[in-house]
N, C-alpha and C. Protein backbone atom coordinates (compact mmCIF):
# COMPACT_ATOMS: atom_id res chain seq x y z
N MET A 1 -26.41 -10.22 -15.00
CA MET A 1 -26.04 -10.46 -13.62
C MET A 1 -25.28 -9.23 -13.11
N PRO A 2 -25.64 -8.69 -11.93
CA PRO A 2 -24.96 -7.51 -11.42
C PRO A 2 -23.55 -7.84 -10.94
N LYS A 3 -22.70 -6.83 -10.99
CA LYS A 3 -21.32 -7.00 -10.54
C LYS A 3 -21.29 -7.06 -9.02
N THR A 4 -20.34 -7.80 -8.49
CA THR A 4 -20.20 -7.89 -7.04
C THR A 4 -19.41 -6.70 -6.53
N THR A 5 -19.52 -6.42 -5.25
CA THR A 5 -18.82 -5.28 -4.68
C THR A 5 -17.33 -5.51 -4.54
N THR A 6 -16.86 -6.74 -4.71
CA THR A 6 -15.42 -6.99 -4.62
C THR A 6 -14.72 -6.72 -5.94
N ASP A 7 -15.47 -6.56 -7.01
CA ASP A 7 -14.90 -6.25 -8.31
C ASP A 7 -14.54 -4.77 -8.34
N PRO A 8 -13.25 -4.41 -8.54
CA PRO A 8 -12.86 -3.00 -8.54
C PRO A 8 -13.59 -2.18 -9.58
N ARG A 9 -14.09 -2.82 -10.62
CA ARG A 9 -14.82 -2.08 -11.65
C ARG A 9 -16.18 -1.64 -11.17
N SER A 10 -16.67 -2.21 -10.08
CA SER A 10 -18.00 -1.86 -9.60
C SER A 10 -17.97 -0.70 -8.62
N ALA A 11 -16.80 -0.10 -8.42
CA ALA A 11 -16.69 1.01 -7.48
C ALA A 11 -17.53 2.18 -7.96
N PRO A 12 -18.20 2.86 -7.04
CA PRO A 12 -19.02 4.00 -7.42
C PRO A 12 -18.17 5.16 -7.92
N ALA A 13 -18.83 6.15 -8.47
CA ALA A 13 -18.13 7.34 -8.95
C ALA A 13 -17.36 7.97 -7.80
N PRO A 14 -16.22 8.59 -8.10
CA PRO A 14 -15.39 9.14 -7.04
C PRO A 14 -16.11 10.22 -6.25
N ASP A 15 -16.15 10.08 -4.96
CA ASP A 15 -16.58 11.11 -4.02
C ASP A 15 -16.01 10.72 -2.66
N ASP A 16 -16.17 11.55 -1.66
CA ASP A 16 -15.55 11.29 -0.37
C ASP A 16 -16.04 9.99 0.26
N ALA A 17 -17.33 9.70 0.19
CA ALA A 17 -17.86 8.48 0.78
C ALA A 17 -17.33 7.25 0.06
N ALA A 18 -17.28 7.30 -1.26
CA ALA A 18 -16.78 6.16 -2.03
C ALA A 18 -15.29 5.95 -1.77
N ALA A 19 -14.54 7.03 -1.70
CA ALA A 19 -13.11 6.90 -1.44
C ALA A 19 -12.87 6.28 -0.08
N GLY A 20 -13.67 6.65 0.91
CA GLY A 20 -13.53 6.07 2.24
C GLY A 20 -13.80 4.58 2.23
N SER A 21 -14.81 4.13 1.48
CA SER A 21 -15.13 2.71 1.45
C SER A 21 -14.06 1.92 0.71
N VAL A 22 -13.44 2.49 -0.29
CA VAL A 22 -12.35 1.82 -1.01
C VAL A 22 -11.19 1.59 -0.06
N HIS A 23 -10.86 2.60 0.76
CA HIS A 23 -9.76 2.48 1.71
C HIS A 23 -10.11 1.51 2.83
N ALA A 24 -11.34 1.55 3.31
CA ALA A 24 -11.75 0.65 4.39
C ALA A 24 -11.70 -0.79 3.91
N ASP A 25 -12.01 -1.01 2.66
CA ASP A 25 -12.03 -2.35 2.08
C ASP A 25 -10.65 -3.00 2.10
N VAL A 26 -9.57 -2.22 2.02
CA VAL A 26 -8.23 -2.78 1.97
C VAL A 26 -7.60 -2.89 3.35
N SER A 27 -8.23 -2.37 4.38
CA SER A 27 -7.61 -2.31 5.70
C SER A 27 -7.33 -3.69 6.30
N GLY A 28 -8.03 -4.71 5.88
CA GLY A 28 -7.81 -6.04 6.41
C GLY A 28 -6.88 -6.91 5.58
N LEU A 29 -6.34 -6.36 4.50
CA LEU A 29 -5.49 -7.15 3.62
C LEU A 29 -4.07 -7.27 4.17
N THR A 30 -3.48 -8.43 3.97
CA THR A 30 -2.07 -8.59 4.29
C THR A 30 -1.26 -7.85 3.22
N TYR A 31 0.03 -7.70 3.49
CA TYR A 31 0.91 -7.06 2.52
C TYR A 31 0.87 -7.80 1.18
N GLU A 32 0.98 -9.12 1.26
CA GLU A 32 1.02 -9.92 0.04
C GLU A 32 -0.28 -9.83 -0.75
N GLN A 33 -1.42 -9.83 -0.05
CA GLN A 33 -2.71 -9.72 -0.73
C GLN A 33 -2.82 -8.36 -1.42
N ALA A 34 -2.46 -7.30 -0.72
CA ALA A 34 -2.55 -5.95 -1.29
C ALA A 34 -1.60 -5.81 -2.47
N ARG A 35 -0.37 -6.33 -2.34
CA ARG A 35 0.62 -6.24 -3.41
C ARG A 35 0.14 -6.99 -4.65
N ASP A 36 -0.37 -8.20 -4.45
CA ASP A 36 -0.81 -9.01 -5.60
C ASP A 36 -1.99 -8.36 -6.32
N GLU A 37 -2.93 -7.82 -5.55
CA GLU A 37 -4.06 -7.16 -6.18
C GLU A 37 -3.61 -5.89 -6.89
N LEU A 38 -2.64 -5.17 -6.31
CA LEU A 38 -2.12 -3.97 -6.95
C LEU A 38 -1.47 -4.31 -8.28
N VAL A 39 -0.75 -5.41 -8.35
CA VAL A 39 -0.13 -5.85 -9.61
C VAL A 39 -1.22 -6.09 -10.66
N THR A 40 -2.31 -6.71 -10.25
CA THR A 40 -3.43 -6.97 -11.17
C THR A 40 -4.05 -5.66 -11.65
N VAL A 41 -4.26 -4.73 -10.74
CA VAL A 41 -4.85 -3.44 -11.09
C VAL A 41 -3.96 -2.72 -12.09
N VAL A 42 -2.67 -2.68 -11.83
CA VAL A 42 -1.73 -1.99 -12.73
C VAL A 42 -1.75 -2.65 -14.11
N SER A 43 -1.77 -3.96 -14.16
CA SER A 43 -1.81 -4.66 -15.45
C SER A 43 -3.06 -4.29 -16.24
N ARG A 44 -4.18 -4.24 -15.55
CA ARG A 44 -5.43 -3.89 -16.24
C ARG A 44 -5.39 -2.45 -16.74
N LEU A 45 -4.83 -1.55 -15.95
CA LEU A 45 -4.73 -0.15 -16.38
C LEU A 45 -3.77 -0.02 -17.56
N GLU A 46 -2.66 -0.73 -17.51
CA GLU A 46 -1.69 -0.67 -18.60
C GLU A 46 -2.24 -1.25 -19.89
N ALA A 47 -3.15 -2.22 -19.78
CA ALA A 47 -3.74 -2.81 -20.99
C ALA A 47 -4.60 -1.80 -21.73
N GLY A 48 -5.18 -0.86 -21.00
CA GLY A 48 -5.95 0.21 -21.63
C GLY A 48 -7.28 -0.21 -22.21
N ALA A 49 -7.79 -1.36 -21.82
CA ALA A 49 -9.04 -1.86 -22.39
C ALA A 49 -10.26 -1.43 -21.58
N GLU A 50 -10.06 -0.76 -20.46
CA GLU A 50 -11.17 -0.38 -19.59
C GLU A 50 -11.78 0.95 -20.03
N SER A 51 -13.04 1.16 -19.69
CA SER A 51 -13.68 2.44 -19.95
C SER A 51 -13.07 3.48 -19.01
N LEU A 52 -13.34 4.73 -19.27
CA LEU A 52 -12.82 5.80 -18.42
C LEU A 52 -13.32 5.63 -16.99
N GLU A 53 -14.59 5.34 -16.83
CA GLU A 53 -15.16 5.16 -15.49
C GLU A 53 -14.49 3.99 -14.76
N ASP A 54 -14.32 2.88 -15.45
CA ASP A 54 -13.68 1.72 -14.85
C ASP A 54 -12.20 2.00 -14.54
N SER A 55 -11.54 2.74 -15.44
CA SER A 55 -10.14 3.09 -15.20
C SER A 55 -10.00 3.96 -13.96
N LEU A 56 -10.90 4.91 -13.77
CA LEU A 56 -10.86 5.76 -12.58
C LEU A 56 -11.08 4.93 -11.32
N ALA A 57 -12.01 4.00 -11.37
CA ALA A 57 -12.27 3.14 -10.21
C ALA A 57 -11.05 2.27 -9.92
N LEU A 58 -10.42 1.74 -10.97
CA LEU A 58 -9.21 0.94 -10.79
C LEU A 58 -8.09 1.79 -10.22
N TRP A 59 -7.94 3.01 -10.71
CA TRP A 59 -6.90 3.91 -10.20
C TRP A 59 -7.09 4.15 -8.70
N GLU A 60 -8.33 4.44 -8.31
CA GLU A 60 -8.61 4.68 -6.89
C GLU A 60 -8.31 3.44 -6.05
N ARG A 61 -8.68 2.30 -6.56
CA ARG A 61 -8.40 1.05 -5.87
C ARG A 61 -6.88 0.85 -5.75
N GLY A 62 -6.16 1.12 -6.82
CA GLY A 62 -4.72 1.01 -6.81
C GLY A 62 -4.08 1.94 -5.79
N GLU A 63 -4.58 3.16 -5.69
CA GLU A 63 -4.06 4.10 -4.70
C GLU A 63 -4.28 3.57 -3.28
N ALA A 64 -5.45 3.02 -3.02
CA ALA A 64 -5.74 2.46 -1.70
C ALA A 64 -4.85 1.25 -1.41
N LEU A 65 -4.65 0.41 -2.41
CA LEU A 65 -3.78 -0.76 -2.24
C LEU A 65 -2.33 -0.35 -2.00
N ALA A 66 -1.86 0.65 -2.74
CA ALA A 66 -0.49 1.13 -2.55
C ALA A 66 -0.32 1.71 -1.15
N ALA A 67 -1.32 2.44 -0.68
CA ALA A 67 -1.25 3.00 0.68
C ALA A 67 -1.20 1.88 1.71
N ARG A 68 -1.96 0.82 1.50
CA ARG A 68 -1.96 -0.32 2.43
C ARG A 68 -0.59 -0.99 2.45
N CYS A 69 0.00 -1.19 1.29
CA CYS A 69 1.35 -1.77 1.22
C CYS A 69 2.33 -0.88 1.97
N GLN A 70 2.22 0.44 1.79
CA GLN A 70 3.12 1.36 2.47
C GLN A 70 2.94 1.28 3.98
N GLU A 71 1.70 1.12 4.45
CA GLU A 71 1.46 0.95 5.89
C GLU A 71 2.22 -0.26 6.43
N TRP A 72 2.14 -1.37 5.70
CA TRP A 72 2.84 -2.59 6.12
C TRP A 72 4.34 -2.37 6.14
N LEU A 73 4.87 -1.73 5.10
CA LEU A 73 6.31 -1.50 5.03
C LEU A 73 6.78 -0.56 6.13
N ASP A 74 6.02 0.49 6.40
CA ASP A 74 6.37 1.43 7.47
C ASP A 74 6.36 0.72 8.82
N GLY A 75 5.35 -0.13 9.04
CA GLY A 75 5.28 -0.88 10.29
C GLY A 75 6.46 -1.82 10.45
N ALA A 76 6.85 -2.47 9.38
CA ALA A 76 7.99 -3.38 9.44
C ALA A 76 9.27 -2.60 9.73
N ARG A 77 9.41 -1.43 9.11
CA ARG A 77 10.59 -0.59 9.33
C ARG A 77 10.66 -0.15 10.80
N GLU A 78 9.52 0.23 11.36
CA GLU A 78 9.48 0.64 12.77
C GLU A 78 9.85 -0.52 13.69
N ARG A 79 9.33 -1.70 13.40
CA ARG A 79 9.65 -2.87 14.23
C ARG A 79 11.13 -3.19 14.17
N LEU A 80 11.72 -3.11 12.98
CA LEU A 80 13.15 -3.37 12.85
C LEU A 80 13.97 -2.32 13.60
N ALA A 81 13.57 -1.07 13.51
CA ALA A 81 14.28 -0.01 14.22
C ALA A 81 14.20 -0.22 15.72
N ALA A 82 13.04 -0.65 16.21
CA ALA A 82 12.88 -0.89 17.65
C ALA A 82 13.76 -2.03 18.12
N VAL A 83 13.91 -3.06 17.31
CA VAL A 83 14.74 -4.20 17.68
C VAL A 83 16.21 -3.82 17.66
N ARG A 84 16.61 -3.01 16.71
CA ARG A 84 18.01 -2.63 16.56
C ARG A 84 18.44 -1.59 17.59
N GLU A 85 17.51 -0.84 18.12
CA GLU A 85 17.84 0.23 19.06
C GLU A 85 18.16 -0.36 20.43
N PRO A 86 19.33 -0.01 20.99
CA PRO A 86 19.66 -0.51 22.32
C PRO A 86 18.69 0.05 23.36
N ALA A 87 18.41 -0.71 24.38
CA ALA A 87 17.49 -0.27 25.43
C ALA A 87 17.99 1.03 26.05
N GLY A 88 17.10 2.03 26.10
CA GLY A 88 17.43 3.30 26.73
C GLY A 88 18.30 4.22 25.89
N GLY A 89 18.65 3.84 24.68
CA GLY A 89 19.51 4.67 23.86
C GLY A 89 18.92 4.88 22.50
N SER A 90 19.70 5.52 21.67
CA SER A 90 19.25 5.72 20.30
C SER A 90 20.12 4.89 19.38
N ALA A 91 19.64 4.69 18.18
CA ALA A 91 20.37 3.86 17.21
C ALA A 91 21.35 4.75 16.47
N ARG A 92 22.44 5.13 17.15
CA ARG A 92 23.46 5.97 16.52
C ARG A 92 24.18 5.18 15.44
N GLY A 93 24.53 5.90 14.38
CA GLY A 93 25.28 5.26 13.32
C GLY A 93 24.44 4.44 12.37
N VAL A 94 23.13 4.47 12.57
CA VAL A 94 22.25 3.71 11.69
C VAL A 94 21.40 4.70 10.92
N SER A 95 21.42 4.59 9.61
CA SER A 95 20.63 5.48 8.79
C SER A 95 19.16 5.10 8.87
N GLN A 96 18.31 5.94 8.30
CA GLN A 96 16.88 5.67 8.31
C GLN A 96 16.55 4.34 7.66
N ALA A 97 17.35 3.91 6.71
CA ALA A 97 17.11 2.62 6.04
C ALA A 97 17.60 1.46 6.88
N GLY A 98 18.22 1.76 8.02
CA GLY A 98 18.68 0.68 8.89
C GLY A 98 20.05 0.16 8.54
N VAL A 99 20.81 0.93 7.77
CA VAL A 99 22.14 0.51 7.36
C VAL A 99 23.14 1.34 8.14
N GLN A 100 24.11 0.69 8.76
CA GLN A 100 25.09 1.40 9.55
C GLN A 100 25.97 2.24 8.65
N ASP A 101 26.20 3.48 9.09
CA ASP A 101 27.05 4.39 8.33
C ASP A 101 28.47 3.87 8.32
N GLU A 102 29.14 3.96 7.17
CA GLU A 102 30.50 3.45 7.05
C GLU A 102 31.46 4.19 7.96
N GLU A 103 31.26 5.51 8.12
CA GLU A 103 32.16 6.30 8.95
C GLU A 103 32.10 5.86 10.41
N GLU A 104 30.96 5.41 10.86
CA GLU A 104 30.79 4.99 12.25
C GLU A 104 31.52 3.68 12.52
N THR A 105 31.77 2.88 11.50
CA THR A 105 32.38 1.57 11.70
C THR A 105 33.90 1.63 11.62
N ARG A 106 34.44 2.74 11.24
CA ARG A 106 35.91 2.86 11.08
C ARG A 106 36.58 3.14 12.39
């Protein structure tokens, strides 16, 4: 029975077209879906039972999943910064992580 296209092991050999399809495949995933699949990919890679070809496909899938998670986190950070920023001003005294500087509160 042939492997389905949703199985990360069925990814084609690395090239620009294949890499694009791996990334496009994750674009609709929620943060939780991408994170959970990334955990599975990492576990499989750490087990070391995959062939070199399958390991490379899993690695590429993991990179795409990690990038998707980062997109979600960056978006959440931007939304939080927008909410914290006063209208018409800048968020003075707030670090990039969204934590108020101690010196500003004294």
